[in-house]
């Protein structure tokens, strides 16, 4: 079954080089999307731009850093 274009792109982003889903990437995208969703919801319902605590920013950024470092670490050794 052929995947629709956007679904194939999302699968490519969330997959490692071998093609299987990477739990680090799914976790990072899930946290980032959740924080963004809560922030947009809160901002729209209060009518102001909501603040994001530094602890939440640090968590999301550290997950992004772990994911970026993991991409480098997933590469098989060159021969």
N, C-alpha and C. Protein backbone atom coordinates (compact mmCIF):
# COMPACT_ATOMS: atom_id res chain seq x y z
N UNK A 1 0.84 -1.18 0.00
CA UNK A 1 0.00 0.00 0.00
C UNK A 1 0.89 1.24 0.00
N UNK A 2 0.60 2.15 -0.90
CA UNK A 2 1.39 3.37 -1.04
C UNK A 2 0.93 4.39 -0.01
N UNK A 3 1.90 4.97 0.71
CA UNK A 3 1.57 6.00 1.70
C UNK A 3 1.33 7.33 1.01
N UNK A 4 0.48 8.11 1.60
CA UNK A 4 0.24 9.45 1.13
C UNK A 4 1.50 10.27 1.36
N UNK A 5 1.79 11.31 0.59
CA UNK A 5 3.04 12.05 0.63
C UNK A 5 3.44 12.56 2.01
N UNK A 6 2.52 13.18 2.73
CA UNK A 6 2.85 13.75 4.03
C UNK A 6 3.15 12.65 5.04
N UNK A 7 2.38 11.55 4.99
CA UNK A 7 2.63 10.44 5.92
C UNK A 7 4.01 9.83 5.68
N UNK A 8 4.41 9.73 4.43
CA UNK A 8 5.74 9.19 4.12
C UNK A 8 6.83 10.11 4.65
N UNK A 9 6.62 11.42 4.54
CA UNK A 9 7.60 12.38 5.05
C UNK A 9 7.70 12.31 6.57
N UNK A 10 6.57 12.20 7.25
CA UNK A 10 6.58 12.10 8.71
C UNK A 10 7.26 10.81 9.15
N UNK A 11 6.98 9.71 8.46
CA UNK A 11 7.63 8.44 8.79
C UNK A 11 9.13 8.54 8.59
N UNK A 12 9.57 9.25 7.54
CA UNK A 12 11.00 9.41 7.28
C UNK A 12 11.66 10.22 8.39
N UNK A 13 10.99 11.25 8.89
CA UNK A 13 11.54 12.07 9.96
C UNK A 13 11.65 11.28 11.26
N UNK A 14 10.66 10.45 11.55
CA UNK A 14 10.63 9.71 12.81
C UNK A 14 11.39 8.39 12.76
N UNK A 15 11.92 8.02 11.60
CA UNK A 15 12.62 6.74 11.46
C UNK A 15 14.13 6.93 11.49
N UNK A 16 14.82 5.89 11.94
CA UNK A 16 16.28 5.92 11.91
C UNK A 16 16.75 5.48 10.52
N UNK A 17 18.05 5.34 10.35
CA UNK A 17 18.60 5.02 9.04
C UNK A 17 18.20 3.64 8.54
N UNK A 18 17.85 2.73 9.45
CA UNK A 18 17.43 1.39 9.05
C UNK A 18 15.96 1.33 8.67
N UNK A 19 15.21 2.42 8.91
CA UNK A 19 13.80 2.48 8.53
C UNK A 19 12.82 2.19 9.65
N UNK A 20 13.31 1.83 10.83
CA UNK A 20 12.40 1.57 11.95
C UNK A 20 12.20 2.85 12.76
N UNK A 21 11.04 2.93 13.45
CA UNK A 21 10.74 4.13 14.22
C UNK A 21 11.75 4.30 15.35
N UNK A 22 12.16 5.54 15.57
CA UNK A 22 13.10 5.87 16.63
C UNK A 22 12.31 6.42 17.81
N UNK A 23 12.40 5.76 18.96
CA UNK A 23 11.64 6.21 20.13
C UNK A 23 12.08 7.59 20.58
N UNK A 24 13.36 7.92 20.42
CA UNK A 24 13.84 9.26 20.80
C UNK A 24 13.16 10.32 19.95
N UNK A 25 13.03 10.07 18.68
CA UNK A 25 12.41 11.06 17.79
C UNK A 25 10.92 11.19 18.05
N UNK A 26 10.25 10.07 18.27
CA UNK A 26 8.82 10.12 18.58
C UNK A 26 8.58 10.88 19.88
N UNK A 27 9.41 10.63 20.89
CA UNK A 27 9.30 11.32 22.17
C UNK A 27 9.54 12.83 22.00
N UNK A 28 10.54 13.20 21.24
CA UNK A 28 10.86 14.62 21.03
C UNK A 28 9.73 15.33 20.30
N UNK A 29 9.24 14.73 19.23
CA UNK A 29 8.15 15.35 18.47
C UNK A 29 6.87 15.39 19.31
N UNK A 30 6.62 14.35 20.08
CA UNK A 30 5.43 14.33 20.95
C UNK A 30 5.47 15.43 22.00
N UNK A 31 6.60 15.57 22.68
CA UNK A 31 6.74 16.62 23.69
C UNK A 31 6.64 18.00 23.05
N UNK A 32 7.35 18.19 21.95
CA UNK A 32 7.31 19.49 21.28
C UNK A 32 5.91 19.85 20.82
N UNK A 33 5.22 18.89 20.22
CA UNK A 33 3.85 19.14 19.77
C UNK A 33 2.89 19.39 20.93
N UNK A 34 3.07 18.67 22.02
CA UNK A 34 2.21 18.86 23.19
C UNK A 34 2.42 20.24 23.80
N UNK A 35 3.67 20.64 23.95
CA UNK A 35 3.95 21.97 24.51
C UNK A 35 3.40 23.05 23.60
N UNK A 36 3.58 22.89 22.30
CA UNK A 36 3.04 23.88 21.36
C UNK A 36 1.52 23.94 21.44
N UNK A 37 0.87 22.78 21.51
CA UNK A 37 -0.59 22.75 21.59
C UNK A 37 -1.13 23.41 22.85
N UNK A 38 -0.52 23.12 23.99
CA UNK A 38 -0.96 23.73 25.25
C UNK A 38 -0.71 25.23 25.22
N UNK A 39 0.42 25.65 24.67
CA UNK A 39 0.74 27.07 24.59
C UNK A 39 -0.26 27.82 23.70
N UNK A 40 -0.59 27.25 22.53
CA UNK A 40 -1.55 27.89 21.63
C UNK A 40 -2.92 27.94 22.29
N UNK A 41 -3.35 26.84 22.88
CA UNK A 41 -4.65 26.79 23.55
C UNK A 41 -4.75 27.84 24.66
N UNK A 42 -3.72 27.90 25.50
CA UNK A 42 -3.71 28.86 26.61
C UNK A 42 -3.68 30.29 26.09
N UNK A 43 -2.87 30.53 25.08
CA UNK A 43 -2.78 31.89 24.53
C UNK A 43 -4.11 32.34 23.92
N UNK A 44 -4.79 31.45 23.22
CA UNK A 44 -6.07 31.82 22.61
C UNK A 44 -7.15 32.05 23.65
N UNK A 45 -7.18 31.25 24.70
CA UNK A 45 -8.24 31.39 25.70
C UNK A 45 -8.00 32.54 26.68
N UNK A 46 -6.77 32.95 26.87
CA UNK A 46 -6.52 34.09 27.76
C UNK A 46 -6.45 35.40 26.98
N UNK A 47 -6.26 35.32 25.67
CA UNK A 47 -6.18 36.53 24.86
C UNK A 47 -4.82 37.21 24.92
N UNK A 48 -3.86 36.59 25.57
CA UNK A 48 -2.50 37.12 25.64
C UNK A 48 -1.52 36.01 25.26
N UNK A 49 -0.29 36.39 25.02
CA UNK A 49 0.74 35.39 24.73
C UNK A 49 1.17 34.77 26.05
N UNK A 50 0.92 33.48 26.19
CA UNK A 50 1.23 32.79 27.44
C UNK A 50 2.75 32.61 27.58
N UNK A 51 3.22 32.63 28.80
CA UNK A 51 4.64 32.38 29.04
C UNK A 51 4.86 30.88 29.20
N UNK A 52 6.04 30.45 28.79
CA UNK A 52 6.42 29.05 28.92
C UNK A 52 7.52 29.00 29.98
N UNK A 53 7.36 28.21 31.03
CA UNK A 53 8.39 28.13 32.07
C UNK A 53 9.73 27.63 31.51
N UNK A 54 10.80 28.11 32.10
CA UNK A 54 12.14 27.72 31.65
C UNK A 54 12.37 26.22 31.78
N UNK A 55 11.74 25.61 32.76
CA UNK A 55 11.90 24.16 32.92
C UNK A 55 11.35 23.40 31.73
N UNK A 56 10.20 23.84 31.22
CA UNK A 56 9.60 23.19 30.05
C UNK A 56 10.45 23.46 28.81
N UNK A 57 10.93 24.69 28.65
CA UNK A 57 11.81 25.00 27.52
C UNK A 57 13.07 24.14 27.57
N UNK A 58 13.65 24.01 28.75
CA UNK A 58 14.85 23.20 28.89
C UNK A 58 14.61 21.74 28.55
N UNK A 59 13.47 21.21 28.96
CA UNK A 59 13.14 19.82 28.66
C UNK A 59 12.98 19.60 27.16
N UNK A 60 12.24 20.47 26.49
CA UNK A 60 12.03 20.33 25.05
C UNK A 60 13.34 20.50 24.29
N UNK A 61 14.15 21.49 24.67
CA UNK A 61 15.42 21.71 23.98
C UNK A 61 16.40 20.56 24.24
N UNK A 62 16.40 20.01 25.45
CA UNK A 62 17.31 18.89 25.72
C UNK A 62 16.88 17.65 24.95
N UNK A 63 15.58 17.41 24.80
CA UNK A 63 15.12 16.30 23.98
C UNK A 63 15.52 16.49 22.53
N UNK A 64 15.45 17.72 22.05
CA UNK A 64 15.91 18.01 20.68
C UNK A 64 17.40 17.77 20.53
N UNK A 65 18.18 18.14 21.53
CA UNK A 65 19.62 17.91 21.48
C UNK A 65 19.98 16.44 21.53
N UNK A 66 19.26 15.69 22.34
CA UNK A 66 19.49 14.24 22.42
C UNK A 66 19.15 13.60 21.08
N UNK A 67 18.08 14.06 20.45
CA UNK A 67 17.69 13.51 19.16
C UNK A 67 18.73 13.82 18.10
N UNK A 68 19.23 15.05 18.10
CA UNK A 68 20.25 15.43 17.11
C UNK A 68 21.54 14.64 17.33
N UNK A 69 21.94 14.47 18.58
CA UNK A 69 23.14 13.68 18.87
C UNK A 69 22.92 12.22 18.54
N UNK A 70 21.71 11.73 18.75
CA UNK A 70 21.40 10.34 18.44
C UNK A 70 21.46 10.07 16.95
N UNK A 71 21.08 11.03 16.14
CA UNK A 71 21.16 10.86 14.69
C UNK A 71 22.62 10.65 14.27
N UNK A 72 23.50 11.39 14.88
CA UNK A 72 24.93 11.23 14.58
C UNK A 72 25.43 9.89 15.08
N UNK A 73 24.95 9.46 16.24
CA UNK A 73 25.39 8.20 16.82
C UNK A 73 24.81 6.97 16.15
N UNK A 74 23.72 7.13 15.40
CA UNK A 74 23.07 5.99 14.75
C UNK A 74 23.79 5.55 13.48
N UNK A 75 24.65 6.39 12.95
CA UNK A 75 25.31 6.05 11.70
C UNK A 75 26.24 4.85 11.91
N UNK A 76 26.20 3.89 11.00
CA UNK A 76 27.09 2.74 11.14
C UNK A 76 28.54 3.18 10.85
N UNK A 77 29.51 2.50 11.44
CA UNK A 77 30.91 2.90 11.22
C UNK A 77 31.28 2.72 9.75
N UNK A 78 32.08 3.67 9.27
CA UNK A 78 32.52 3.59 7.88
C UNK A 78 33.60 2.53 7.75
N UNK A 79 33.61 1.86 6.63
CA UNK A 79 34.61 0.82 6.41
C UNK A 79 35.57 1.21 5.34
